[in-house]
Amino acid sequence: MRELNFVELEAEHIELLPTRETMNVFGSNWAAIVATNSSLALNAASLASTANSAAVQTIVVSQN
């Protein structure tokens, strides 16, 4: 990752999100969140060895 120079920084734009009341059309606000972590490591029938595992995380958010 590199640093931005002033020209690139000035080219960036921000936008404010609408208020929660504006996004709330039907008078209710709910969010369904599903998070899963998956990882697998196996170290069987071996002496003085190491088993490593990296976890993959998935997060899904649905908000109405």
N, C-alpha and C. Protein backbone atom coordinates (compact mmCIF):
# COMPACT_ATOMS: atom_id res chain seq x y z
N MET A 1 0.84 -1.17 0.00
CA MET A 1 0.00 0.00 0.00
C MET A 1 0.89 1.24 0.00
N ARG A 2 0.58 2.17 -0.87
CA ARG A 2 1.40 3.37 -0.96
C ARG A 2 0.63 4.57 -0.45
N GLU A 3 1.34 5.63 -0.14
CA GLU A 3 0.71 6.86 0.33
C GLU A 3 0.13 7.63 -0.85
N LEU A 4 -0.95 8.38 -0.58
CA LEU A 4 -1.55 9.22 -1.61
C LEU A 4 -0.81 10.55 -1.66
N ASN A 5 -0.69 11.10 -2.87
CA ASN A 5 -0.16 12.46 -2.96
C ASN A 5 -1.33 13.44 -2.88
N PHE A 6 -1.03 14.74 -2.86
CA PHE A 6 -2.09 15.73 -2.67
C PHE A 6 -3.10 15.75 -3.81
N VAL A 7 -2.66 15.52 -5.03
CA VAL A 7 -3.58 15.51 -6.17
C VAL A 7 -4.57 14.36 -6.03
N GLU A 8 -4.07 13.18 -5.68
CA GLU A 8 -4.96 12.02 -5.50
C GLU A 8 -5.89 12.22 -4.32
N LEU A 9 -5.38 12.81 -3.25
CA LEU A 9 -6.21 13.05 -2.07
C LEU A 9 -7.32 14.04 -2.36
N GLU A 10 -7.03 15.09 -3.10
CA GLU A 10 -8.05 16.08 -3.44
C GLU A 10 -9.07 15.52 -4.42
N ALA A 11 -8.72 14.48 -5.17
CA ALA A 11 -9.65 13.87 -6.12
C ALA A 11 -10.65 12.96 -5.42
N GLU A 12 -10.39 12.60 -4.17
CA GLU A 12 -11.32 11.74 -3.42
C GLU A 12 -12.58 12.53 -3.05
N HIS A 13 -13.71 11.85 -3.04
CA HIS A 13 -14.99 12.48 -2.71
C HIS A 13 -15.67 11.70 -1.60
N ILE A 14 -16.41 12.39 -0.79
CA ILE A 14 -17.23 11.73 0.22
C ILE A 14 -18.68 12.06 -0.04
N GLU A 15 -19.55 11.19 0.44
CA GLU A 15 -20.98 11.42 0.30
C GLU A 15 -21.64 10.96 1.59
N LEU A 16 -22.46 11.82 2.16
CA LEU A 16 -23.16 11.46 3.38
C LEU A 16 -24.28 10.49 3.07
N LEU A 17 -24.47 9.52 3.93
CA LEU A 17 -25.57 8.57 3.77
C LEU A 17 -26.86 9.24 4.21
N PRO A 18 -27.99 8.83 3.65
CA PRO A 18 -29.27 9.37 4.11
C PRO A 18 -29.53 8.95 5.55
N THR A 19 -30.35 9.70 6.24
CA THR A 19 -30.66 9.37 7.62
C THR A 19 -31.42 8.05 7.68
N ARG A 20 -31.38 7.42 8.83
CA ARG A 20 -32.06 6.14 9.01
C ARG A 20 -33.56 6.28 8.75
N GLU A 21 -34.14 7.42 9.12
CA GLU A 21 -35.57 7.62 8.90
C GLU A 21 -35.89 7.69 7.40
N THR A 22 -34.98 8.23 6.62
CA THR A 22 -35.20 8.30 5.18
C THR A 22 -35.18 6.92 4.56
N MET A 23 -34.29 6.07 5.02
CA MET A 23 -34.18 4.72 4.48
C MET A 23 -35.27 3.80 5.01
N ASN A 24 -35.94 4.15 6.08
CA ASN A 24 -36.95 3.33 6.73
C ASN A 24 -38.30 3.60 6.07
N VAL A 25 -38.66 2.77 5.09
CA VAL A 25 -39.87 3.00 4.30
C VAL A 25 -41.11 2.44 4.97
N PHE A 26 -41.03 1.25 5.55
CA PHE A 26 -42.22 0.57 6.05
C PHE A 26 -42.37 0.66 7.57
N GLY A 27 -41.65 1.52 8.23
CA GLY A 27 -41.79 1.70 9.67
C GLY A 27 -41.07 0.64 10.49
N SER A 28 -40.23 -0.15 9.87
CA SER A 28 -39.48 -1.15 10.62
C SER A 28 -38.04 -1.15 10.13
N ASN A 29 -37.17 -1.56 11.00
CA ASN A 29 -35.76 -1.63 10.65
C ASN A 29 -35.19 -2.90 11.26
N TRP A 30 -34.74 -3.83 10.44
CA TRP A 30 -34.19 -5.07 10.93
C TRP A 30 -32.99 -5.47 10.07
N ALA A 31 -32.15 -6.25 10.64
CA ALA A 31 -30.97 -6.73 9.91
C ALA A 31 -30.79 -8.21 10.19
N ALA A 32 -30.55 -8.96 9.14
CA ALA A 32 -30.25 -10.38 9.27
C ALA A 32 -28.75 -10.53 9.02
N ILE A 33 -28.04 -11.03 10.02
CA ILE A 33 -26.59 -11.18 9.92
C ILE A 33 -26.23 -12.65 10.04
N VAL A 34 -25.47 -13.14 9.08
CA VAL A 34 -25.00 -14.51 9.09
C VAL A 34 -23.48 -14.47 8.98
N ALA A 35 -22.79 -15.07 9.95
CA ALA A 35 -21.33 -15.11 9.93
C ALA A 35 -20.87 -16.56 10.05
N THR A 36 -19.94 -16.95 9.20
CA THR A 36 -19.40 -18.30 9.26
C THR A 36 -17.88 -18.25 9.21
N ASN A 37 -17.25 -19.14 9.95
CA ASN A 37 -15.81 -19.33 9.91
C ASN A 37 -15.55 -20.78 9.53
N SER A 38 -14.67 -21.00 8.59
CA SER A 38 -14.34 -22.36 8.15
C SER A 38 -12.83 -22.56 8.21
N SER A 39 -12.42 -23.63 8.86
CA SER A 39 -10.99 -23.95 8.94
C SER A 39 -10.83 -25.44 9.17
N LEU A 40 -9.76 -26.01 8.64
CA LEU A 40 -9.52 -27.43 8.78
C LEU A 40 -8.01 -27.66 8.87
N ALA A 41 -7.59 -28.42 9.87
CA ALA A 41 -6.18 -28.81 10.00
C ALA A 41 -6.13 -30.27 10.43
N LEU A 42 -5.20 -31.03 9.87
CA LEU A 42 -5.08 -32.43 10.19
C LEU A 42 -3.62 -32.77 10.45
N ASN A 43 -3.37 -33.39 11.59
CA ASN A 43 -2.04 -33.85 11.94
C ASN A 43 -2.21 -35.22 12.57
N ALA A 44 -2.16 -36.25 11.74
CA ALA A 44 -2.42 -37.60 12.22
C ALA A 44 -1.23 -38.51 11.91
N ALA A 45 -0.89 -39.36 12.87
CA ALA A 45 0.15 -40.38 12.71
C ALA A 45 1.51 -39.80 12.35
N SER A 46 1.82 -38.63 12.88
CA SER A 46 3.15 -38.05 12.65
C SER A 46 3.65 -37.48 13.97
N LEU A 47 4.89 -37.77 14.31
CA LEU A 47 5.48 -37.31 15.55
C LEU A 47 6.25 -36.02 15.34
N ALA A 48 6.17 -35.12 16.30
CA ALA A 48 6.93 -33.86 16.30
C ALA A 48 6.70 -33.03 15.04
N SER A 49 5.46 -32.95 14.61
CA SER A 49 5.15 -32.13 13.45
C SER A 49 4.11 -31.08 13.83
N THR A 50 3.88 -30.16 12.96
CA THR A 50 2.97 -29.04 13.22
C THR A 50 1.90 -29.01 12.14
N ALA A 51 0.68 -28.75 12.54
CA ALA A 51 -0.41 -28.55 11.59
C ALA A 51 -0.90 -27.12 11.72
N ASN A 52 -0.97 -26.41 10.60
CA ASN A 52 -1.44 -25.03 10.58
C ASN A 52 -2.74 -24.95 9.79
N SER A 53 -3.54 -23.97 10.16
CA SER A 53 -4.79 -23.77 9.45
C SER A 53 -5.11 -22.28 9.41
N ALA A 54 -5.59 -21.81 8.27
CA ALA A 54 -6.03 -20.43 8.12
C ALA A 54 -7.55 -20.45 7.99
N ALA A 55 -8.22 -19.56 8.71
CA ALA A 55 -9.68 -19.52 8.69
C ALA A 55 -10.17 -18.55 7.62
N VAL A 56 -11.23 -18.93 6.95
CA VAL A 56 -11.90 -18.08 5.99
C VAL A 56 -13.19 -17.61 6.63
N GLN A 57 -13.41 -16.30 6.67
CA GLN A 57 -14.60 -15.76 7.32
C GLN A 57 -15.50 -15.10 6.28
N THR A 58 -16.77 -15.40 6.36
CA THR A 58 -17.76 -14.80 5.48
C THR A 58 -18.84 -14.16 6.34
N ILE A 59 -19.17 -12.91 6.05
CA ILE A 59 -20.22 -12.20 6.78
C ILE A 59 -21.19 -11.63 5.75
N VAL A 60 -22.46 -11.94 5.93
CA VAL A 60 -23.51 -11.45 5.04
C VAL A 60 -24.50 -10.66 5.90
N VAL A 61 -24.77 -9.41 5.51
CA VAL A 61 -25.71 -8.57 6.23
C VAL A 61 -26.81 -8.13 5.28
N SER A 62 -28.04 -8.43 5.63
CA SER A 62 -29.20 -7.96 4.88
C SER A 62 -30.00 -7.06 5.79
N GLN A 63 -30.19 -5.82 5.40
CA GLN A 63 -30.91 -4.89 6.27
C GLN A 63 -32.09 -4.32 5.52
N ASN A 64 -33.22 -4.29 6.21
CA ASN A 64 -34.44 -3.70 5.66
C ASN A 64 -35.02 -2.76 6.67
